[in-house]
Amino acid sequence: MGSQVRNCDNTTGDVRDVVLVYPHEADITLKRISVLTPVGAALIGLSVGQGIEFQTPGHSKRSLTILSVSH
C-alpha cells in the first residue's frame, strides 16, 4: 500500500500518477486509487514496462503501461 505508480494511457498518451491505497483512503481528486477497483487491483505487482488492459465502469476497454513505481 502507498505505492506511487506513474502510467501512460496507451490510447491517449496521457501520463498519470496515482497512489494505491486501501478502500477507505481512496479519493480520486487526490489521485488515490483503491486496490479493490479494477485498475487498482490490476496495477498490484506490475513492474516498469509492463502493461494492463482493463474495463472502465462505462464498459470501454483501456490499456496502460507502467512508467515508474515508487514506495
C-alpha atoms as a PDB file:
ATOM      1  CA  MET A   1       0.000   0.000   0.000  1.00  0.00           C
ATOM      2  CA  GLY A   2       1.093   3.530  -0.636  1.00  0.00           C
ATOM      3  CA  SER A   3       2.988   2.775  -3.836  1.00  0.00           C
ATOM      4  CA  GLN A   4       3.011   5.618  -6.324  1.00  0.00           C
ATOM      5  CA  VAL A   5       2.563   4.423  -9.890  1.00  0.00           C
ATOM      6  CA  ARG A   6       3.212   6.550 -12.973  1.00  0.00           C
ATOM      7  CA  ASN A   7       1.446   5.159 -16.018  1.00  0.00           C
ATOM      8  CA  CYS A   8       0.746   6.084 -19.611  1.00  0.00           C
ATOM      9  CA  ASP A   9      -2.640   5.608 -21.254  1.00  0.00           C
ATOM     10  CA  ASN A  10      -1.815   3.689 -24.439  1.00  0.00           C
ATOM     11  CA  THR A  11      -4.650   5.310 -26.399  1.00  0.00           C
ATOM     12  CA  THR A  12      -4.372   8.972 -25.428  1.00  0.00           C
ATOM     13  CA  GLY A  13      -0.720   9.150 -24.392  1.00  0.00           C
ATOM     14  CA  ASP A  14      -1.724  10.841 -21.126  1.00  0.00           C
ATOM     15  CA  VAL A  15       0.692  10.269 -18.245  1.00  0.00           C
ATOM     16  CA  ARG A  16      -0.807   9.994 -14.780  1.00  0.00           C
ATOM     17  CA  ASP A  17       0.482   9.433 -11.255  1.00  0.00           C
ATOM     18  CA  VAL A  18      -1.686   7.532  -8.777  1.00  0.00           C
ATOM     19  CA  VAL A  19      -1.191   6.123  -5.298  1.00  0.00           C
ATOM     20  CA  LEU A  20      -2.576   2.678  -4.442  1.00  0.00           C
ATOM     21  CA  VAL A  21      -4.462   2.749  -1.138  1.00  0.00           C
ATOM     22  CA  TYR A  22      -6.951   0.822   0.985  1.00  0.00           C
ATOM     23  CA  PRO A  23     -10.603   1.489   0.067  1.00  0.00           C
ATOM     24  CA  HIS A  24     -11.307   3.843   2.978  1.00  0.00           C
ATOM     25  CA  GLU A  25      -8.371   6.066   1.889  1.00  0.00           C
ATOM     26  CA  ALA A  26      -9.430   6.300  -1.775  1.00  0.00           C
ATOM     27  CA  ASP A  27     -10.028   9.771  -3.204  1.00  0.00           C
ATOM     28  CA  ILE A  28      -9.772  10.255  -6.946  1.00  0.00           C
ATOM     29  CA  THR A  29      -9.374  14.033  -6.530  1.00  0.00           C
ATOM     30  CA  LEU A  30      -6.148  13.284  -4.616  1.00  0.00           C
ATOM     31  CA  LYS A  31      -5.166  10.588  -7.164  1.00  0.00           C
ATOM     32  CA  ARG A  32      -5.547   7.872  -4.512  1.00  0.00           C
ATOM     33  CA  ILE A  33      -6.969   4.686  -6.061  1.00  0.00           C
ATOM     34  CA  SER A  34      -8.343   1.784  -4.061  1.00  0.00           C
ATOM     35  CA  VAL A  35      -6.681  -1.570  -4.608  1.00  0.00           C
ATOM     36  CA  LEU A  36     -10.191  -3.031  -4.874  1.00  0.00           C
ATOM     37  CA  THR A  37     -11.076  -1.110  -8.052  1.00  0.00           C
ATOM     38  CA  PRO A  38     -10.465  -2.936 -11.341  1.00  0.00           C
ATOM     39  CA  VAL A  39      -7.496  -0.749 -12.281  1.00  0.00           C
ATOM     40  CA  GLY A  40      -6.121  -0.673  -8.725  1.00  0.00           C
ATOM     41  CA  ALA A  41      -6.189  -4.464  -8.474  1.00  0.00           C
ATOM     42  CA  ALA A  42      -4.617  -4.800 -11.912  1.00  0.00           C
ATOM     43  CA  LEU A  43      -1.726  -2.478 -11.009  1.00  0.00           C
ATOM     44  CA  ILE A  44      -0.641  -4.531  -7.995  1.00  0.00           C
ATOM     45  CA  GLY A  45       2.654  -6.287  -8.616  1.00  0.00           C
ATOM     46  CA  LEU A  46       3.417  -4.802 -12.027  1.00  0.00           C
ATOM     47  CA  SER A  47       6.901  -3.616 -12.921  1.00  0.00           C
ATOM     48  CA  VAL A  48       8.144  -0.800 -15.130  1.00  0.00           C
ATOM     49  CA  GLY A  49       7.430  -1.565 -18.785  1.00  0.00           C
ATOM     50  CA  GLN A  50       4.563  -3.938 -18.092  1.00  0.00           C
ATOM     51  CA  GLY A  51       1.057  -3.134 -19.199  1.00  0.00           C
ATOM     52  CA  ILE A  52      -2.516  -3.905 -18.302  1.00  0.00           C
ATOM     53  CA  GLU A  53      -5.850  -3.849 -20.049  1.00  0.00           C
ATOM     54  CA  PHE A  54      -8.995  -3.228 -18.033  1.00  0.00           C
ATOM     55  CA  GLN A  55     -12.644  -2.355 -18.436  1.00  0.00           C
ATOM     56  CA  THR A  56     -13.934   1.002 -17.200  1.00  0.00           C
ATOM     57  CA  PRO A  57     -17.234   1.410 -15.338  1.00  0.00           C
ATOM     58  CA  GLY A  58     -18.635   2.627 -18.691  1.00  0.00           C
ATOM     59  CA  HIS A  59     -17.668  -0.750 -20.215  1.00  0.00           C
ATOM     60  CA  SER A  60     -14.966   0.532 -22.537  1.00  0.00           C
ATOM     61  CA  LYS A  61     -11.535  -1.087 -22.605  1.00  0.00           C
ATOM     62  CA  ARG A  62      -8.378   0.853 -21.764  1.00  0.00           C
ATOM     63  CA  SER A  63      -4.747  -0.122 -21.550  1.00  0.00           C
ATOM     64  CA  LEU A  64      -1.917   1.361 -19.529  1.00  0.00           C
ATOM     65  CA  THR A  65       1.852   0.925 -19.469  1.00  0.00           C
ATOM     66  CA  ILE A  66       3.762   1.343 -16.206  1.00  0.00           C
ATOM     67  CA  LEU A  67       6.444   4.041 -16.391  1.00  0.00           C
ATOM     68  CA  SER A  68       7.645   4.033 -12.769  1.00  0.00           C
ATOM     69  CA  VAL A  69       6.824   2.661  -9.327  1.00  0.00           C
ATOM     70  CA  SER A  70       7.985   4.096  -6.007  1.00  0.00           C
ATOM     71  CA  HIS A  71       7.186   3.028  -2.470  1.00  0.00           C
END
